[in-house]
Amino acid sequence: TNPESIIQLLQNKTEASGAHYYRITSFHIDNQSHATAILYK
């Protein structure tokens, strides 16, 4: 899975959760770059 698709998935989850704001941050798992969304309600 590439980072772009992970970011898109997180954006979809963020929108579905009804969060008003999200910030994409990066982190690493198994030497691969991934992204996570920090949600604010």
N, C-alpha and C. Protein backbone atom coordinates (compact mmCIF):
# COMPACT_ATOMS: atom_id res chain seq x y z
N THR A 1 0.86 -1.19 0.00
CA THR A 1 0.00 0.00 0.00
C THR A 1 0.89 1.24 0.00
N ASN A 2 0.60 2.16 -0.88
CA ASN A 2 1.44 3.35 -0.96
C ASN A 2 0.92 4.45 -0.05
N PRO A 3 1.78 5.39 0.34
CA PRO A 3 1.38 6.45 1.28
C PRO A 3 0.20 7.28 0.78
N GLU A 4 0.11 7.50 -0.54
CA GLU A 4 -0.98 8.32 -1.07
C GLU A 4 -2.33 7.68 -0.78
N SER A 5 -2.42 6.36 -0.97
CA SER A 5 -3.70 5.68 -0.74
C SER A 5 -4.04 5.67 0.75
N ILE A 6 -3.02 5.59 1.60
CA ILE A 6 -3.26 5.62 3.04
C ILE A 6 -3.79 6.99 3.45
N ILE A 7 -3.19 8.04 2.90
CA ILE A 7 -3.65 9.39 3.21
C ILE A 7 -5.09 9.56 2.75
N GLN A 8 -5.41 9.06 1.56
CA GLN A 8 -6.77 9.17 1.05
C GLN A 8 -7.74 8.43 1.95
N LEU A 9 -7.35 7.24 2.39
CA LEU A 9 -8.21 6.46 3.28
C LEU A 9 -8.46 7.21 4.59
N LEU A 10 -7.41 7.80 5.13
CA LEU A 10 -7.56 8.55 6.38
C LEU A 10 -8.43 9.78 6.18
N GLN A 11 -8.30 10.43 5.03
CA GLN A 11 -9.15 11.58 4.75
C GLN A 11 -10.61 11.14 4.68
N ASN A 12 -10.86 10.00 4.05
CA ASN A 12 -12.23 9.49 3.98
C ASN A 12 -12.76 9.19 5.37
N LYS A 13 -11.94 8.55 6.20
CA LYS A 13 -12.36 8.24 7.57
C LYS A 13 -12.61 9.53 8.36
N THR A 14 -11.76 10.52 8.14
CA THR A 14 -11.91 11.80 8.84
C THR A 14 -13.23 12.44 8.48
N GLU A 15 -13.56 12.47 7.18
CA GLU A 15 -14.81 13.06 6.73
C GLU A 15 -15.99 12.30 7.29
N ALA A 16 -15.89 10.98 7.32
CA ALA A 16 -16.98 10.15 7.82
C ALA A 16 -17.20 10.35 9.32
N SER A 17 -16.13 10.67 10.03
CA SER A 17 -16.24 10.83 11.48
C SER A 17 -16.88 12.16 11.86
N GLY A 18 -17.00 13.07 10.90
CA GLY A 18 -17.59 14.37 11.19
C GLY A 18 -16.63 15.33 11.87
N ALA A 19 -15.35 15.04 11.84
CA ALA A 19 -14.37 15.94 12.44
C ALA A 19 -14.34 17.25 11.66
N HIS A 20 -14.16 18.34 12.38
CA HIS A 20 -14.16 19.65 11.74
C HIS A 20 -12.78 20.02 11.20
N TYR A 21 -11.77 19.37 11.70
CA TYR A 21 -10.41 19.72 11.29
C TYR A 21 -9.54 18.47 11.39
N TYR A 22 -8.64 18.32 10.44
CA TYR A 22 -7.69 17.22 10.57
C TYR A 22 -6.32 17.68 10.10
N ARG A 23 -5.31 17.06 10.65
CA ARG A 23 -3.94 17.38 10.27
C ARG A 23 -3.23 16.07 9.95
N ILE A 24 -2.66 16.01 8.78
CA ILE A 24 -1.93 14.81 8.39
C ILE A 24 -0.51 14.89 8.94
N THR A 25 -0.09 13.86 9.65
CA THR A 25 1.28 13.79 10.14
C THR A 25 1.89 12.48 9.66
N SER A 26 3.17 12.43 9.62
CA SER A 26 3.84 11.25 9.12
C SER A 26 4.44 10.43 10.26
N PHE A 27 4.51 9.13 10.05
CA PHE A 27 5.21 8.26 10.98
C PHE A 27 5.71 7.06 10.20
N HIS A 28 6.49 6.23 10.82
CA HIS A 28 7.11 5.14 10.09
C HIS A 28 6.80 3.80 10.75
N ILE A 29 6.43 2.84 9.92
CA ILE A 29 6.22 1.48 10.38
C ILE A 29 6.98 0.56 9.43
N ASP A 30 7.81 -0.31 9.97
CA ASP A 30 8.56 -1.25 9.15
C ASP A 30 9.33 -0.54 8.04
N ASN A 31 9.94 0.59 8.40
CA ASN A 31 10.78 1.34 7.47
C ASN A 31 10.03 1.87 6.26
N GLN A 32 8.69 1.94 6.36
CA GLN A 32 7.91 2.51 5.28
C GLN A 32 7.19 3.75 5.78
N SER A 33 7.07 4.70 4.92
CA SER A 33 6.42 5.96 5.30
C SER A 33 4.91 5.81 5.24
N HIS A 34 4.25 6.18 6.30
CA HIS A 34 2.80 6.15 6.37
C HIS A 34 2.31 7.49 6.90
N ALA A 35 1.01 7.64 6.97
CA ALA A 35 0.47 8.89 7.48
C ALA A 35 -0.66 8.60 8.44
N THR A 36 -0.87 9.50 9.37
CA THR A 36 -1.99 9.37 10.29
C THR A 36 -2.70 10.71 10.40
N ALA A 37 -3.96 10.68 10.70
CA ALA A 37 -4.73 11.91 10.84
C ALA A 37 -5.04 12.13 12.30
N ILE A 38 -4.81 13.36 12.76
CA ILE A 38 -5.18 13.74 14.12
C ILE A 38 -6.51 14.47 14.02
N LEU A 39 -7.53 13.95 14.70
CA LEU A 39 -8.88 14.46 14.53
C LEU A 39 -9.25 15.44 15.63
N TYR A 40 -9.96 16.48 15.24
CA TYR A 40 -10.47 17.45 16.21
C TYR A 40 -11.97 17.56 15.99
N LYS A 41 -12.73 17.44 17.07
CA LYS A 41 -14.19 17.53 16.94
C LYS A 41 -14.66 18.88 17.43
